[in-house]
Every structure is written in structure tokens, then in C-alpha cells.
Amino acid sequence: MKVRMLTIAAGPTLVASPGQVITVSDEQGKDLVAGGFAERVVDAEKAETASADRRAASKSETSSLPAKGSKGAKDAK
């Protein structure tokens, strides 16, 4: 389940800031929403967030690609 945090949350397995969209288990998401700590992300918002995430990932992935013409993994035998 995707939720948008309304408050700061920090623990052994979770660190999130207000406004941040995170993916959690359905049980944890329901608890966060019921406690007023987060709101569930609806489908339209999910698509918008996924688009932004893809753009950010694309920028970071292209910066770590090997240079054109390099043989990369083909050299390993």
C-alpha cells in the first residue's frame, strides 16, 4: 500500500517525512492512516508519484551506465 506521510515517522524499519509517499504493508498502512499519521494514496496520485519516481530513477541510472563502446560484462569469462 502506498501512503503519503502527514507527520514524521522514524523507527527501526521506517524513516519518513511529511509529504513523502512510501510503500508499506497493507497492515502497517491501515495503522498509519487510522492513527492520522498518513493518508492513503489514490490511483491518480499513485500514477503521478510513479511518473516522478521514474524520472528520478532514470537520471540516476543513466549517470552510472558504462561509457559507449566499453565492453562491460562481456569481458568476464
N, C-alpha and C. Protein backbone atom coordinates (compact mmCIF):
# COMPACT_ATOMS: atom_id res chain seq x y z
N MET A 1 0.85 -1.17 0.00
CA MET A 1 0.00 0.00 0.00
C MET A 1 0.90 1.23 0.00
N LYS A 2 0.49 2.22 -0.78
CA LYS A 2 1.22 3.49 -0.79
C LYS A 2 0.47 4.49 0.07
N VAL A 3 1.23 5.20 0.90
CA VAL A 3 0.65 6.24 1.75
C VAL A 3 1.50 7.49 1.68
N ARG A 4 0.87 8.63 1.90
CA ARG A 4 1.59 9.91 1.98
C ARG A 4 1.63 10.28 3.46
N MET A 5 2.83 10.46 3.95
CA MET A 5 3.00 10.77 5.37
C MET A 5 2.50 12.18 5.69
N LEU A 6 1.82 12.30 6.82
CA LEU A 6 1.35 13.59 7.31
C LEU A 6 2.24 14.09 8.44
N THR A 7 2.99 13.18 9.04
CA THR A 7 3.89 13.50 10.15
C THR A 7 5.24 12.84 9.91
N ILE A 8 6.19 13.16 10.75
CA ILE A 8 7.49 12.49 10.72
C ILE A 8 7.31 11.12 11.36
N ALA A 9 7.90 10.11 10.77
CA ALA A 9 7.88 8.77 11.34
C ALA A 9 9.30 8.21 11.29
N ALA A 10 9.73 7.62 12.40
CA ALA A 10 11.06 7.02 12.43
C ALA A 10 11.04 5.81 13.35
N GLY A 11 11.66 4.76 12.91
CA GLY A 11 11.75 3.54 13.69
C GLY A 11 12.81 2.65 13.10
N PRO A 12 12.91 1.42 13.61
CA PRO A 12 13.95 0.51 13.12
C PRO A 12 13.84 0.19 11.63
N THR A 13 12.62 0.21 11.08
CA THR A 13 12.44 -0.17 9.68
C THR A 13 11.81 0.92 8.84
N LEU A 14 11.61 2.12 9.40
CA LEU A 14 10.91 3.17 8.67
C LEU A 14 11.43 4.54 9.07
N VAL A 15 11.75 5.34 8.07
CA VAL A 15 12.07 6.75 8.27
C VAL A 15 11.34 7.50 7.16
N ALA A 16 10.43 8.42 7.54
CA ALA A 16 9.65 9.14 6.53
C ALA A 16 9.34 10.54 7.03
N SER A 17 9.27 11.47 6.08
CA SER A 17 8.98 12.87 6.38
C SER A 17 7.59 13.23 5.91
N PRO A 18 7.00 14.30 6.45
CA PRO A 18 5.69 14.73 5.98
C PRO A 18 5.71 15.01 4.47
N GLY A 19 4.69 14.52 3.76
CA GLY A 19 4.60 14.71 2.32
C GLY A 19 5.24 13.59 1.52
N GLN A 20 6.07 12.80 2.15
CA GLN A 20 6.75 11.71 1.45
C GLN A 20 5.78 10.57 1.18
N VAL A 21 5.82 10.00 -0.03
CA VAL A 21 5.00 8.84 -0.38
C VAL A 21 5.86 7.61 -0.21
N ILE A 22 5.38 6.67 0.60
CA ILE A 22 6.14 5.45 0.88
C ILE A 22 5.26 4.23 0.63
N THR A 23 5.89 3.11 0.41
CA THR A 23 5.17 1.84 0.25
C THR A 23 5.38 1.04 1.53
N VAL A 24 4.26 0.61 2.12
CA VAL A 24 4.29 -0.18 3.34
C VAL A 24 3.34 -1.36 3.18
N SER A 25 3.39 -2.29 4.11
CA SER A 25 2.44 -3.41 4.07
C SER A 25 1.02 -2.86 4.26
N ASP A 26 0.04 -3.62 3.81
CA ASP A 26 -1.35 -3.18 3.98
C ASP A 26 -1.68 -2.96 5.45
N GLU A 27 -1.22 -3.85 6.31
CA GLU A 27 -1.49 -3.73 7.75
C GLU A 27 -0.87 -2.45 8.32
N GLN A 28 0.39 -2.19 8.00
CA GLN A 28 1.06 -1.00 8.50
C GLN A 28 0.41 0.26 7.93
N GLY A 29 0.04 0.21 6.65
CA GLY A 29 -0.62 1.35 6.03
C GLY A 29 -1.94 1.68 6.70
N LYS A 30 -2.74 0.66 6.98
CA LYS A 30 -4.02 0.87 7.66
C LYS A 30 -3.81 1.47 9.04
N ASP A 31 -2.78 1.00 9.75
CA ASP A 31 -2.48 1.54 11.08
C ASP A 31 -2.05 3.01 11.00
N LEU A 32 -1.20 3.35 10.02
CA LEU A 32 -0.75 4.74 9.86
C LEU A 32 -1.91 5.67 9.53
N VAL A 33 -2.82 5.21 8.64
CA VAL A 33 -3.97 6.02 8.26
C VAL A 33 -4.93 6.16 9.44
N ALA A 34 -5.21 5.06 10.13
CA ALA A 34 -6.13 5.08 11.27
C ALA A 34 -5.61 5.99 12.39
N GLY A 35 -4.30 6.04 12.55
CA GLY A 35 -3.71 6.87 13.59
C GLY A 35 -3.56 8.34 13.20
N GLY A 36 -3.87 8.66 11.94
CA GLY A 36 -3.75 10.04 11.48
C GLY A 36 -2.33 10.44 11.11
N PHE A 37 -1.46 9.45 10.93
CA PHE A 37 -0.07 9.72 10.59
C PHE A 37 0.16 9.80 9.09
N ALA A 38 -0.79 9.24 8.31
CA ALA A 38 -0.64 9.18 6.86
C ALA A 38 -2.00 9.15 6.20
N GLU A 39 -2.01 9.38 4.88
CA GLU A 39 -3.23 9.23 4.10
C GLU A 39 -2.94 8.28 2.96
N ARG A 40 -3.94 7.49 2.62
CA ARG A 40 -3.76 6.53 1.53
C ARG A 40 -3.63 7.27 0.20
N VAL A 41 -2.73 6.81 -0.66
CA VAL A 41 -2.53 7.40 -1.98
C VAL A 41 -3.52 6.74 -2.92
N VAL A 42 -4.36 7.55 -3.58
CA VAL A 42 -5.33 7.02 -4.53
C VAL A 42 -4.67 6.83 -5.89
N ASP A 43 -5.33 6.12 -6.80
CA ASP A 43 -4.75 5.74 -8.08
C ASP A 43 -4.19 6.91 -8.88
N ALA A 44 -4.90 8.02 -9.00
CA ALA A 44 -4.41 9.16 -9.79
C ALA A 44 -3.12 9.70 -9.19
N GLU A 45 -3.07 9.77 -7.88
CA GLU A 45 -1.86 10.25 -7.22
C GLU A 45 -0.74 9.24 -7.37
N LYS A 46 -1.09 7.97 -7.34
CA LYS A 46 -0.09 6.91 -7.48
C LYS A 46 0.60 7.02 -8.84
N ALA A 47 -0.19 7.25 -9.87
CA ALA A 47 0.38 7.39 -11.21
C ALA A 47 1.30 8.60 -11.29
N GLU A 48 0.90 9.71 -10.67
CA GLU A 48 1.72 10.91 -10.67
C GLU A 48 3.03 10.67 -9.93
N THR A 49 2.97 10.01 -8.78
CA THR A 49 4.16 9.72 -7.99
C THR A 49 5.07 8.75 -8.74
N ALA A 50 4.49 7.73 -9.37
CA ALA A 50 5.28 6.76 -10.11
C ALA A 50 6.02 7.44 -11.25
N SER A 51 5.35 8.38 -11.90
CA SER A 51 5.98 9.11 -13.00
C SER A 51 7.18 9.91 -12.49
N ALA A 52 7.01 10.58 -11.37
CA ALA A 52 8.11 11.36 -10.79
C ALA A 52 9.25 10.44 -10.36
N ASP A 53 8.90 9.28 -9.78
CA ASP A 53 9.91 8.32 -9.35
C ASP A 53 10.69 7.78 -10.55
N ARG A 54 9.98 7.51 -11.67
CA ARG A 54 10.66 7.01 -12.86
C ARG A 54 11.63 8.05 -13.41
N ARG A 55 11.21 9.32 -13.40
CA ARG A 55 12.10 10.37 -13.91
C ARG A 55 13.36 10.45 -13.04
N ALA A 56 13.19 10.39 -11.73
CA ALA A 56 14.34 10.47 -10.83
C ALA A 56 15.24 9.25 -11.00
N ALA A 57 14.64 8.07 -11.14
CA ALA A 57 15.43 6.85 -11.31
C ALA A 57 16.17 6.88 -12.64
N SER A 58 15.53 7.38 -13.66
CA SER A 58 16.16 7.45 -14.98
C SER A 58 17.40 8.32 -14.93
N LYS A 59 17.34 9.42 -14.25
CA LYS A 59 18.50 10.31 -14.14
C LYS A 59 19.65 9.62 -13.41
N SER A 60 19.34 8.91 -12.31
CA SER A 60 20.41 8.27 -11.54
C SER A 60 20.96 7.04 -12.27
N GLU A 61 20.10 6.32 -13.00
CA GLU A 61 20.56 5.13 -13.72
C GLU A 61 21.48 5.50 -14.87
N THR A 62 21.15 6.55 -15.60
CA THR A 62 21.97 6.91 -16.75
C THR A 62 23.32 7.44 -16.32
N SER A 63 23.42 7.99 -15.13
CA SER A 63 24.71 8.51 -14.69
C SER A 63 25.67 7.39 -14.31
N SER A 64 25.17 6.16 -14.08
CA SER A 64 26.04 5.06 -13.70
C SER A 64 26.26 4.05 -14.82
N LEU A 65 25.75 4.33 -16.03
CA LEU A 65 25.95 3.43 -17.15
C LEU A 65 27.39 3.51 -17.66
N PRO A 66 27.91 2.37 -18.17
CA PRO A 66 29.27 2.41 -18.73
C PRO A 66 29.29 3.29 -19.98
N ALA A 67 30.43 3.82 -20.28
CA ALA A 67 30.58 4.69 -21.46
C ALA A 67 30.33 3.89 -22.72
N LYS A 68 29.84 4.55 -23.76
CA LYS A 68 29.62 3.87 -25.03
C LYS A 68 30.92 3.26 -25.52
N GLY A 69 30.81 2.07 -26.07
CA GLY A 69 31.98 1.40 -26.60
C GLY A 69 32.70 0.53 -25.58
N SER A 70 32.38 0.66 -24.27
CA SER A 70 33.02 -0.21 -23.29
C SER A 70 32.39 -1.59 -23.36
N LYS A 71 33.17 -2.61 -23.07
CA LYS A 71 32.68 -3.98 -23.22
C LYS A 71 31.90 -4.45 -22.01
N GLY A 72 32.08 -3.84 -20.86
CA GLY A 72 31.29 -4.16 -19.66
C GLY A 72 31.38 -5.63 -19.28
N ALA A 73 30.21 -6.26 -19.06
CA ALA A 73 30.14 -7.63 -18.57
C ALA A 73 30.58 -8.66 -19.60
N LYS A 74 30.67 -8.30 -20.87
CA LYS A 74 31.07 -9.26 -21.91
C LYS A 74 32.52 -9.70 -21.73
N ASP A 75 33.33 -8.91 -21.01
CA ASP A 75 34.73 -9.27 -20.80
C ASP A 75 34.89 -10.43 -19.85
N ALA A 76 33.95 -10.59 -18.91
CA ALA A 76 34.06 -11.63 -17.88
C ALA A 76 33.81 -13.00 -18.51
N LYS A 77 34.80 -13.90 -18.41
CA LYS A 77 34.65 -15.26 -18.94
C LYS A 77 35.14 -16.26 -17.95
